[in-house]
């Protein structure tokens, strides 16, 4: 399950805390507000991540989250601000929420139109600026916990 993968990732993060720049855990109220604004219910592992870290910079990687209530006056790595901004700029579908920008034109997104067997969004690719018909939305990870574990393990290797 994804929460087990999340807990493994959390252990890696804690063991390598010198690489961590977190944004202090998000309150339940901020998490709830983010879900309302984005019109989704976050999966359990992502809610746990938000409560633990808010958002996370681990070495050179950024994992988007929520860390302040004013989403409109925010910026990267705020998932609400970033997702709404991309929706306006390139008409990104509403079922995608941006988790990570590779810096090479590809965004990793929670895809609420592609759910795993536990009804959690898979993590898929998205390339801003390409028409929706051209998007492959390649499945990169089965869930958020798997994504986070792979990202932090890659960073320490």
Foldseek 3Di string as FASTA:
>chain_A
DLLVLLVLLVVLCVVQVVQKDFQAADDPVQQVVLCVLLVHDADPSLNVVNRGGQWIGGNPWTFAGHRDNPLCPDDPPHQSVVVVVLCVPQVPDSQWTFTGDPVPQKTWTFGQVDADPVSGGFTFIDGGPDDPVPDPRHGDGNHDSNVSSVVSVVNVD
